[in-house]
């Protein structure tokens, strides 16, 4: 009986820890990017380029 209680306690203590260790993996390749002032993001290349004015 004492062994079962110890094993149950260990399982309950370890469960949240293992859940946190998996992290948040459902974001995929999403990332936010910002460019410096005077630059804009070029969607085709995914890089910052100098903003041109018309």
C-alpha atoms as a PDB file:
ATOM      1  CA  UNK A   1       0.000   0.000   0.000  1.00  0.00           C
ATOM      2  CA  UNK A   2       2.804   2.403   0.864  1.00  0.00           C
ATOM      3  CA  UNK A   3       4.553   1.689  -2.459  1.00  0.00           C
ATOM      4  CA  UNK A   4       1.380   2.490  -4.419  1.00  0.00           C
ATOM      5  CA  UNK A   5       1.013   5.782  -2.574  1.00  0.00           C
ATOM      6  CA  UNK A   6       4.624   6.739  -3.331  1.00  0.00           C
ATOM      7  CA  UNK A   7       4.273   5.831  -7.018  1.00  0.00           C
ATOM      8  CA  UNK A   8       1.001   7.747  -7.337  1.00  0.00           C
ATOM      9  CA  UNK A   9       2.552  10.801  -5.693  1.00  0.00           C
ATOM     10  CA  UNK A  10       5.562  10.677  -8.018  1.00  0.00           C
ATOM     11  CA  UNK A  11       3.296  10.424 -11.060  1.00  0.00           C
ATOM     12  CA  UNK A  12       1.199  13.401  -9.951  1.00  0.00           C
ATOM     13  CA  UNK A  13       4.305  15.488  -9.283  1.00  0.00           C
ATOM     14  CA  UNK A  14       5.983  14.567 -12.588  1.00  0.00           C
ATOM     15  CA  UNK A  15       2.953  15.095 -14.868  1.00  0.00           C
ATOM     16  CA  UNK A  16       3.017  18.936 -14.952  1.00  0.00           C
ATOM     17  CA  UNK A  17       6.790  18.947 -15.319  1.00  0.00           C
ATOM     18  CA  UNK A  18       6.652  16.683 -18.349  1.00  0.00           C
ATOM     19  CA  UNK A  19       3.882  18.802 -19.840  1.00  0.00           C
ATOM     20  CA  UNK A  20       5.978  21.956 -19.530  1.00  0.00           C
ATOM     21  CA  UNK A  21       9.030  20.227 -20.980  1.00  0.00           C
ATOM     22  CA  UNK A  22       7.178  19.648 -24.257  1.00  0.00           C
ATOM     23  CA  UNK A  23       6.828  23.385 -24.738  1.00  0.00           C
ATOM     24  CA  UNK A  24       4.528  25.165 -27.108  1.00  0.00           C
ATOM     25  CA  UNK A  25       5.009  23.552 -30.481  1.00  0.00           C
ATOM     26  CA  UNK A  26       1.846  24.514 -32.321  1.00  0.00           C
ATOM     27  CA  UNK A  27       3.153  27.766 -33.805  1.00  0.00           C
ATOM     28  CA  UNK A  28       4.921  26.171 -36.749  1.00  0.00           C
ATOM     29  CA  UNK A  29       7.057  28.545 -38.785  1.00  0.00           C
ATOM     30  CA  UNK A  30       5.243  31.695 -37.727  1.00  0.00           C
ATOM     31  CA  UNK A  31       7.535  34.503 -36.685  1.00  0.00           C
ATOM     32  CA  UNK A  32       7.151  38.225 -36.384  1.00  0.00           C
ATOM     33  CA  UNK A  33       9.694  40.478 -37.996  1.00  0.00           C
ATOM     34  CA  UNK A  34      10.152  44.207 -37.915  1.00  0.00           C
ATOM     35  CA  UNK A  35      12.452  46.346 -40.001  1.00  0.00           C
ATOM     36  CA  UNK A  36      14.452  49.403 -39.028  1.00  0.00           C
ATOM     37  CA  UNK A  37      13.039  52.868 -39.634  1.00  0.00           C
ATOM     38  CA  UNK A  38      13.011  53.740 -43.336  1.00  0.00           C
ATOM     39  CA  UNK A  39      12.957  50.091 -44.372  1.00  0.00           C
ATOM     40  CA  UNK A  40      10.123  47.748 -45.291  1.00  0.00           C
ATOM     41  CA  UNK A  41       9.769  43.999 -45.483  1.00  0.00           C
ATOM     42  CA  UNK A  42      10.050  42.572 -49.004  1.00  0.00           C
ATOM     43  CA  UNK A  43       7.539  39.717 -49.027  1.00  0.00           C
ATOM     44  CA  UNK A  44       9.217  37.977 -51.972  1.00  0.00           C
ATOM     45  CA  UNK A  45      12.629  37.673 -50.323  1.00  0.00           C
ATOM     46  CA  UNK A  46      11.651  37.947 -46.648  1.00  0.00           C
ATOM     47  CA  UNK A  47      14.291  40.595 -46.039  1.00  0.00           C
ATOM     48  CA  UNK A  48      14.255  44.286 -45.172  1.00  0.00           C
ATOM     49  CA  UNK A  49      14.859  46.683 -48.055  1.00  0.00           C
ATOM     50  CA  UNK A  50      15.104  50.465 -48.238  1.00  0.00           C
ATOM     51  CA  UNK A  51      11.704  52.049 -48.624  1.00  0.00           C
ATOM     52  CA  UNK A  52      11.314  53.836 -51.950  1.00  0.00           C
ATOM     53  CA  UNK A  53       9.038  56.834 -52.373  1.00  0.00           C
ATOM     54  CA  UNK A  54       7.065  57.525 -55.534  1.00  0.00           C
END
